[in-house]
Protein backbone atom coordinates (compact mmCIF):
# COMPACT_ATOMS: atom_id res chain seq x y z
CA MET A 1 24.59 -51.23 63.99
CA SER A 2 24.83 -54.83 62.90
CA VAL A 3 27.29 -56.07 60.32
CA THR A 4 25.94 -55.61 56.80
CA HIS A 5 27.27 -57.26 53.69
CA GLY A 6 28.68 -55.10 50.93
CA LYS A 7 29.65 -55.67 47.32
CA MET A 8 30.19 -59.32 46.52
CA GLY A 9 32.04 -58.89 43.24
CA LEU A 10 35.29 -57.73 44.81
CA SER A 11 38.19 -59.92 45.83
CA LEU A 12 38.60 -60.19 49.59
CA THR A 13 41.70 -57.97 49.62
CA GLN A 14 39.93 -55.36 47.49
CA GLU A 15 36.98 -55.25 49.86
CA ILE A 16 39.21 -54.87 52.93
CA LEU A 17 40.91 -51.88 51.32
CA SER A 18 37.70 -50.38 49.93
CA HIS A 19 36.35 -49.66 53.42
CA LEU A 20 39.49 -48.56 55.22
CA GLY A 21 40.13 -45.37 57.09
CA LEU A 22 41.15 -46.90 60.39
CA ALA A 23 42.94 -44.16 62.29
CA ASN A 24 40.56 -41.55 63.60
CA LYS A 25 42.63 -39.68 66.13
CA THR A 26 46.18 -38.42 66.52
CA ALA A 27 45.94 -36.32 69.67
CA ALA A 28 47.54 -38.98 71.87
CA TRP A 29 50.50 -39.19 69.48
CA GLY A 30 50.97 -35.45 69.05
CA THR A 31 53.88 -35.16 71.47
CA LEU A 32 55.62 -38.34 70.35
CA GLY A 33 57.12 -37.12 67.10
CA THR A 34 60.83 -36.56 66.59
CA LEU A 35 60.20 -33.38 64.64
CA ARG A 36 58.50 -30.47 66.41
CA THR A 37 57.60 -26.93 65.46
CA PHE A 38 60.84 -24.93 65.42
CA LEU A 39 60.35 -22.28 68.10
CA SER A 40 62.94 -19.83 66.70
CA PHE A 41 61.44 -20.06 63.22
CA ASN A 42 62.31 -17.15 60.94
CA VAL A 43 61.05 -17.71 57.42
CA ASP A 44 63.23 -14.97 55.90
CA LYS A 45 66.42 -16.43 57.36
CA ASP A 46 65.49 -19.90 56.12
CA VAL A 47 64.77 -18.62 52.61
CA GLN A 48 68.11 -16.80 52.53
CA ARG A 49 69.96 -19.86 53.76
CA LEU A 50 68.37 -22.10 51.13
CA LEU A 51 69.09 -19.55 48.40
CA LYS A 52 72.73 -19.43 49.43
CA ALA A 53 72.87 -23.23 49.60
CA ILE A 54 71.83 -23.69 45.97
CA ALA A 55 73.16 -20.49 44.37
CA GLY A 56 76.76 -20.62 45.51
CA GLN A 57 79.65 -22.64 44.14
CA GLY A 58 78.70 -26.19 44.91
CA VAL A 59 75.45 -27.22 46.59
CA ASP A 60 75.43 -27.00 50.39
CA ARG A 61 73.57 -30.22 51.15
CA PHE A 62 74.10 -29.86 54.89
CA ALA A 63 72.38 -26.46 54.97
CA ILE A 64 69.43 -27.74 52.94
CA LEU A 65 68.86 -30.72 55.21
CA ASP A 66 69.50 -28.72 58.37
CA VAL A 67 66.61 -26.44 57.45
CA LEU A 68 64.16 -29.01 56.08
CA THR A 69 64.63 -31.68 58.76
CA ASN A 70 64.33 -29.20 61.63
CA ARG A 71 61.07 -27.53 60.56
CA SER A 72 57.54 -28.88 60.84
CA ARG A 73 55.61 -29.66 57.66
CA GLU A 74 53.59 -26.48 58.13
CA GLN A 75 56.76 -24.43 58.49
CA ARG A 76 58.26 -26.05 55.38
CA GLN A 77 55.17 -25.00 53.42
CA LEU A 78 55.60 -21.42 54.67
CA ILE A 79 59.24 -21.48 53.55
CA SER A 80 58.22 -22.76 50.13
CA ARG A 81 55.65 -19.99 49.64
CA ALA A 82 58.01 -17.30 50.93
CA PHE A 83 60.78 -18.53 48.63
CA HIS A 84 58.47 -18.12 45.63
CA GLU A 85 57.31 -14.66 46.74
CA ARG A 86 60.87 -13.38 47.15
CA THR A 87 62.53 -15.03 44.14
CA GLN A 88 59.65 -15.80 41.72
CA GLN A 89 61.11 -19.32 41.62
CA ASP A 90 59.65 -22.61 42.78
CA LEU A 91 61.67 -23.95 45.72
CA LEU A 92 60.85 -27.57 44.92
CA LYS A 93 62.01 -27.24 41.31
CA SER A 94 65.10 -25.31 42.36
CA LEU A 95 66.12 -28.05 44.79
CA GLN A 96 65.35 -30.77 42.25
CA ALA A 97 67.71 -29.06 39.81
CA ALA A 98 70.44 -28.88 42.47
CA LEU A 99 70.11 -32.43 43.84
CA SER A 100 69.79 -35.96 42.49
CA GLY A 101 69.10 -39.55 43.48
CA ASN A 102 67.59 -40.51 46.82
CA LEU A 103 68.52 -37.16 48.35
CA GLU A 104 66.42 -35.40 45.75
CA ARG A 105 63.54 -37.80 46.42
CA ILE A 106 63.57 -37.23 50.16
CA VAL A 107 63.77 -33.43 49.76
CA VAL A 108 60.80 -33.54 47.39
CA ALA A 109 58.88 -35.64 49.91
CA LEU A 110 59.72 -33.22 52.74
CA LEU A 111 58.42 -30.26 50.74
CA GLN A 112 55.21 -31.84 49.54
CA PRO A 113 51.99 -31.43 51.55
CA ALA A 114 51.06 -34.69 53.30
CA ALA A 115 48.09 -35.37 51.01
CA GLN A 116 50.24 -34.97 47.89
CA LEU A 117 52.89 -37.31 49.29
CA ASP A 118 50.33 -40.01 50.15
CA ALA A 119 48.63 -39.70 46.77
CA ARG A 120 52.00 -39.96 45.01
CA GLU A 121 52.92 -43.05 47.04
CA LEU A 122 49.61 -44.69 46.12
CA ARG A 123 50.10 -43.91 42.42
CA THR A 124 53.65 -45.27 42.51
CA ALA A 125 52.49 -48.45 44.25
CA LEU A 126 49.67 -49.04 41.77
CA LYS A 127 52.15 -48.82 38.88
CA GLY A 128 54.67 -51.22 40.41
CA PRO A 129 54.52 -55.01 40.79
CA GLY A 130 53.63 -56.57 44.12
CA SER A 131 53.62 -53.59 46.48
CA ALA A 132 50.20 -52.07 45.85
CA GLU A 133 48.26 -53.79 48.65
CA ASP A 134 51.02 -53.25 51.21
CA VAL A 135 51.39 -49.52 50.56
CA ALA A 136 47.64 -48.97 50.24
CA LEU A 137 46.98 -50.75 53.53
CA GLU A 138 49.65 -48.70 55.30
CA ILE A 139 48.24 -45.38 54.12
CA LEU A 140 44.54 -46.21 54.35
CA ALA A 141 44.72 -47.84 57.78
CA THR A 142 46.92 -45.28 59.52
CA ARG A 143 45.62 -41.92 58.28
CA THR A 144 42.71 -40.07 59.86
CA PRO A 145 39.46 -39.65 57.85
CA PRO A 146 40.23 -35.96 57.09
CA GLN A 147 43.72 -36.93 55.91
CA LEU A 148 42.26 -39.63 53.67
CA GLN A 149 39.71 -37.23 52.20
CA GLU A 150 42.51 -34.81 51.32
CA CYS A 151 44.60 -37.60 49.83
CA LEU A 152 41.70 -38.84 47.69
CA ALA A 153 40.93 -35.32 46.49
CA VAL A 154 44.53 -34.99 45.29
CA TYR A 155 44.51 -38.47 43.79
CA LYS A 156 41.24 -37.92 41.94
CA HIS A 157 42.51 -34.64 40.55
CA SER A 158 44.70 -36.50 38.06
CA LYS A 159 42.78 -39.74 37.55
CA SER A 160 39.80 -41.78 38.65
CA VAL A 161 40.58 -43.78 41.78
CA GLU A 162 38.59 -46.76 40.54
CA GLU A 163 40.28 -46.75 37.14
CA GLY A 164 43.72 -46.49 38.72
CA ALA A 165 43.04 -49.49 40.94
CA LEU A 166 41.60 -51.58 38.14
CA ARG A 167 44.56 -50.86 35.84
CA ALA A 168 46.91 -52.19 38.52
CA GLY A 169 45.44 -55.69 38.22
CA GLN A 170 42.58 -57.90 39.27
CA ASP A 171 43.57 -58.12 42.95
CA SER A 172 44.78 -54.55 43.37
CA PRO A 173 43.41 -52.30 46.12
CA ARG A 174 40.31 -50.18 45.75
CA LEU A 175 40.67 -46.95 47.62
CA PRO A 176 38.46 -46.14 50.60
CA CYS A 177 34.78 -45.26 50.47
CA GLY A 178 34.69 -43.97 54.06
CA GLY A 179 32.42 -46.64 55.51
CA ARG A 180 33.96 -46.87 58.99
CA GLU A 181 31.88 -45.84 62.00
CA ALA A 182 33.03 -42.80 63.98
CA TYR A 183 33.89 -43.17 67.66
CA THR A 184 31.20 -41.48 69.76
CA GLY A 185 32.80 -41.96 73.18
CA ILE A 186 30.06 -44.43 74.17
CA ILE A 187 31.14 -48.01 74.90
CA ASP A 188 28.69 -50.50 73.35
CA TYR A 189 29.41 -53.73 75.20
CA ASN A 190 26.49 -55.53 73.55
CA LEU A 191 27.77 -54.74 70.06
CA ALA A 192 31.27 -55.91 71.00
CA ALA A 193 29.80 -59.23 72.22
CA GLN A 194 27.73 -59.54 69.02
CA ASP A 195 30.81 -58.98 66.86
CA VAL A 196 32.79 -61.59 68.82
CA GLN A 197 30.00 -64.11 68.31
CA ALA A 198 29.75 -63.23 64.61
CA LEU A 199 33.48 -63.84 64.17
CA LYS A 200 33.37 -67.10 66.12
CA GLN A 201 30.57 -68.35 63.88
CA ALA A 202 32.22 -67.13 60.67
CA GLU A 203 34.78 -69.91 60.43
CA GLY A 204 33.19 -71.93 57.65
CA PRO A 205 33.12 -71.50 53.86
CA SER A 206 31.72 -68.29 52.36
CA THR A 207 31.91 -66.34 55.64
CA GLU A 208 34.87 -64.12 54.75
CA ARG A 209 32.77 -60.97 54.34
CA THR A 210 31.76 -61.05 58.02
CA TRP A 211 35.41 -60.71 59.00
CA VAL A 212 36.04 -57.96 56.46
CA LEU A 213 33.04 -55.90 57.49
CA VAL A 214 33.71 -56.14 61.23
CA PHE A 215 37.35 -55.12 60.69
CA THR A 216 36.52 -52.26 58.32
CA GLN A 217 33.22 -50.85 59.64
CA ARG A 218 33.97 -50.62 63.35
CA ASN A 219 36.00 -47.83 64.95
CA PRO A 220 39.44 -48.67 66.43
CA GLU A 221 38.37 -48.27 70.08
CA HIS A 222 35.55 -50.78 69.56
CA LEU A 223 37.83 -53.20 67.71
CA ILE A 224 40.32 -53.26 70.60
CA ARG A 225 37.50 -54.52 72.83
CA VAL A 226 36.49 -57.08 70.20
CA LEU A 227 40.06 -58.40 69.99
CA ASN A 228 40.34 -58.65 73.78
CA GLN A 229 36.92 -60.28 74.24
CA TYR A 230 37.57 -62.74 71.43
CA GLN A 231 40.70 -63.95 73.21
CA TRP A 232 38.83 -64.17 76.53
CA TYR A 233 36.02 -66.26 75.01
CA THR A 234 38.18 -68.56 72.85
CA GLY A 235 41.39 -68.81 74.87
CA HIS A 236 43.56 -67.69 71.95
CA GLU A 237 44.26 -64.50 70.02
CA LEU A 238 42.10 -63.67 67.03
CA GLU A 239 45.23 -63.63 64.86
CA LYS A 240 45.54 -67.41 65.31
CA THR A 241 42.10 -67.88 63.76
CA VAL A 242 42.96 -65.50 60.93
CA ARG A 243 46.08 -67.53 60.06
CA ALA A 244 44.04 -70.75 59.99
CA ARG A 245 41.05 -69.25 58.20
CA PHE A 246 42.66 -67.08 55.51
CA HIS A 247 45.56 -67.33 53.08
CA GLY A 248 47.63 -65.07 50.87
CA ALA A 249 47.03 -61.33 50.61
CA ALA A 250 43.76 -61.41 52.59
CA CYS A 251 45.49 -63.11 55.54
CA VAL A 252 48.32 -60.55 55.47
CA ALA A 253 45.86 -57.66 55.25
CA LEU A 254 43.77 -58.83 58.22
CA LEU A 255 46.85 -59.56 60.35
CA ASN A 256 48.25 -56.12 59.58
CA LEU A 257 44.93 -54.51 60.44
CA ALA A 258 44.89 -56.35 63.77
CA LEU A 259 48.44 -55.12 64.48
CA VAL A 260 47.52 -51.52 63.57
CA ILE A 261 44.57 -51.76 65.97
CA ARG A 262 46.64 -53.25 68.81
CA ASN A 263 49.86 -51.30 68.39
CA THR A 264 50.37 -48.87 65.51
CA PRO A 265 54.01 -48.04 66.41
CA LEU A 266 54.89 -51.76 66.39
CA TYR A 267 53.29 -52.10 62.95
CA PHE A 268 55.59 -49.38 61.63
CA ALA A 269 58.62 -50.80 63.47
CA ASP A 270 58.04 -54.10 61.65
CA LYS A 271 57.77 -52.32 58.30
CA LEU A 272 60.97 -50.36 58.90
CA HIS A 273 62.83 -53.50 59.91
CA GLN A 274 61.61 -55.28 56.79
CA ALA A 275 62.71 -52.35 54.62
CA LEU A 276 66.18 -52.48 56.17
CA GLN A 277 66.55 -56.25 55.80
CA GLU A 278 66.29 -56.29 52.03
CA THR A 279 69.49 -56.77 49.99
CA GLU A 280 69.18 -53.13 48.97
CA PRO A 281 67.27 -51.09 51.58
CA ASN A 282 63.78 -50.12 50.47
CA TYR A 283 64.46 -46.38 50.39
CA GLN A 284 60.92 -45.57 49.27
CA ALA A 285 59.42 -47.24 52.34
CA LEU A 286 62.01 -45.74 54.70
CA MET A 287 61.39 -42.23 53.40
CA ARG A 288 57.62 -42.57 53.43
CA ILE A 289 57.42 -43.90 56.99
CA LEU A 290 60.03 -41.65 58.60
CA ILE A 291 58.56 -38.52 57.02
CA SER A 292 54.90 -39.38 57.61
CA ARG A 293 55.44 -40.40 61.26
CA SER A 294 58.06 -37.80 62.19
CA GLU A 295 55.47 -35.44 63.66
CA THR A 296 53.16 -38.04 65.22
CA ASP A 297 54.65 -41.17 66.81
CA LEU A 298 58.19 -41.81 65.60
CA LEU A 299 59.50 -41.83 69.18
CA SER A 300 57.09 -44.68 69.97
CA ILE A 301 58.13 -46.48 66.78
CA ARG A 302 61.78 -46.19 67.82
CA ALA A 303 60.96 -47.68 71.23
CA GLU A 304 59.07 -50.62 69.70
CA PHE A 305 61.89 -51.21 67.19
CA ARG A 306 64.51 -51.36 69.95
CA LYS A 307 62.34 -53.58 72.13
CA LYS A 308 61.57 -56.13 69.40
CA PHE A 309 64.82 -56.26 67.44
CA GLY A 310 67.39 -55.54 70.18
CA LYS A 311 68.97 -52.74 68.17
CA SER A 312 68.03 -49.11 67.79
CA LEU A 313 66.45 -47.78 64.63
CA TYR A 314 69.16 -45.10 64.47
CA SER A 315 71.97 -47.68 64.49
CA SER A 316 70.11 -49.86 61.97
CA LEU A 317 69.83 -46.91 59.59
CA GLN A 318 73.51 -46.07 60.09
CA ASP A 319 74.51 -49.63 59.20
CA ALA A 320 72.19 -50.21 56.24
CA VAL A 321 71.69 -46.88 54.49
CA LYS A 322 74.29 -45.51 52.11
CA GLY A 323 74.58 -42.40 50.01
CA ASP A 324 73.48 -38.79 50.36
CA CYS A 325 70.06 -39.50 51.87
CA ARG A 326 71.60 -41.27 54.91
CA SER A 327 72.05 -38.03 56.84
CA ALA A 328 68.47 -36.96 56.05
CA LEU A 329 66.96 -40.21 57.34
CA LEU A 330 69.14 -40.09 60.46
CA ALA A 331 68.06 -36.49 61.06
CA LEU A 332 64.40 -37.53 60.93
CA CYS A 333 65.05 -40.48 63.26
CA ARG A 334 66.82 -37.96 65.46
CA ALA A 335 68.79 -39.92 68.08
CA GLU A 336 70.14 -43.19 69.38
CA ASP A 337 68.05 -45.28 71.80
CA LEU A 338 70.32 -46.85 74.41
């Protein structure tokens, strides 16, 4: 399929985000999470332990985190349902009443289904200044199509996606329309060569849409070949052309997409490092990334973090994070990388 031009009325950043849904497989990452299914799982024991942790004199924060950060998301959902069946109380609300601050926020995030968490993060980003494109790109480019469909269903339940994006400002992200091609397992060398030529020729004025549509319509496996062939034909990485050709949010979006395509764990390592380098750590970003990647590729992210920054993610969290949520984030990170 050749590159086709889409809506022309959108800003470049909006159009990039409107087509996204980059990740289309997680099988290769399935064993690289820090959090696995707890083999000795006993839902009744966990419910009793959580009840005791919030009903006794003083809240047992250690017990709460020990349960929630050592169970898979599926197991946490089973605990939540069992808690309600046995007590007629909502576990999430009970824990919110017992906790506060960042610890409450991370416990809420741990108990929410993945689609609800992503939808909430998108809503929060759209309401805040400056972070909408960054958060939207992270979620839309690194979730599988089924995950995105679930997220959008949750998001649309409370408001129109288009209206939410428009209210956030003129250059805010439009959420995905699902236009990316699926990977069929067949390598189309001719199409890869055509895309490389299209990108090489799209370096003049009014050619931005060619870049956007190649980056957002092709599947990740195909785009890896395009990136490699582009470098072979031109003698330099495609990212160098992007930096010269684009500016502002569109440049950042395309560079981040290229990094996600080349090395998703490195993309997240960079984001975690950035979140830790701020005067006050960006707790929202740390929670979102550590929770969302804990069952997929957090071990790979830790390795990339150590390799690039010369310090482990675990030590960096120990040094930068303060307060009650520190132990929760360290539990999700799991261990030191020597």
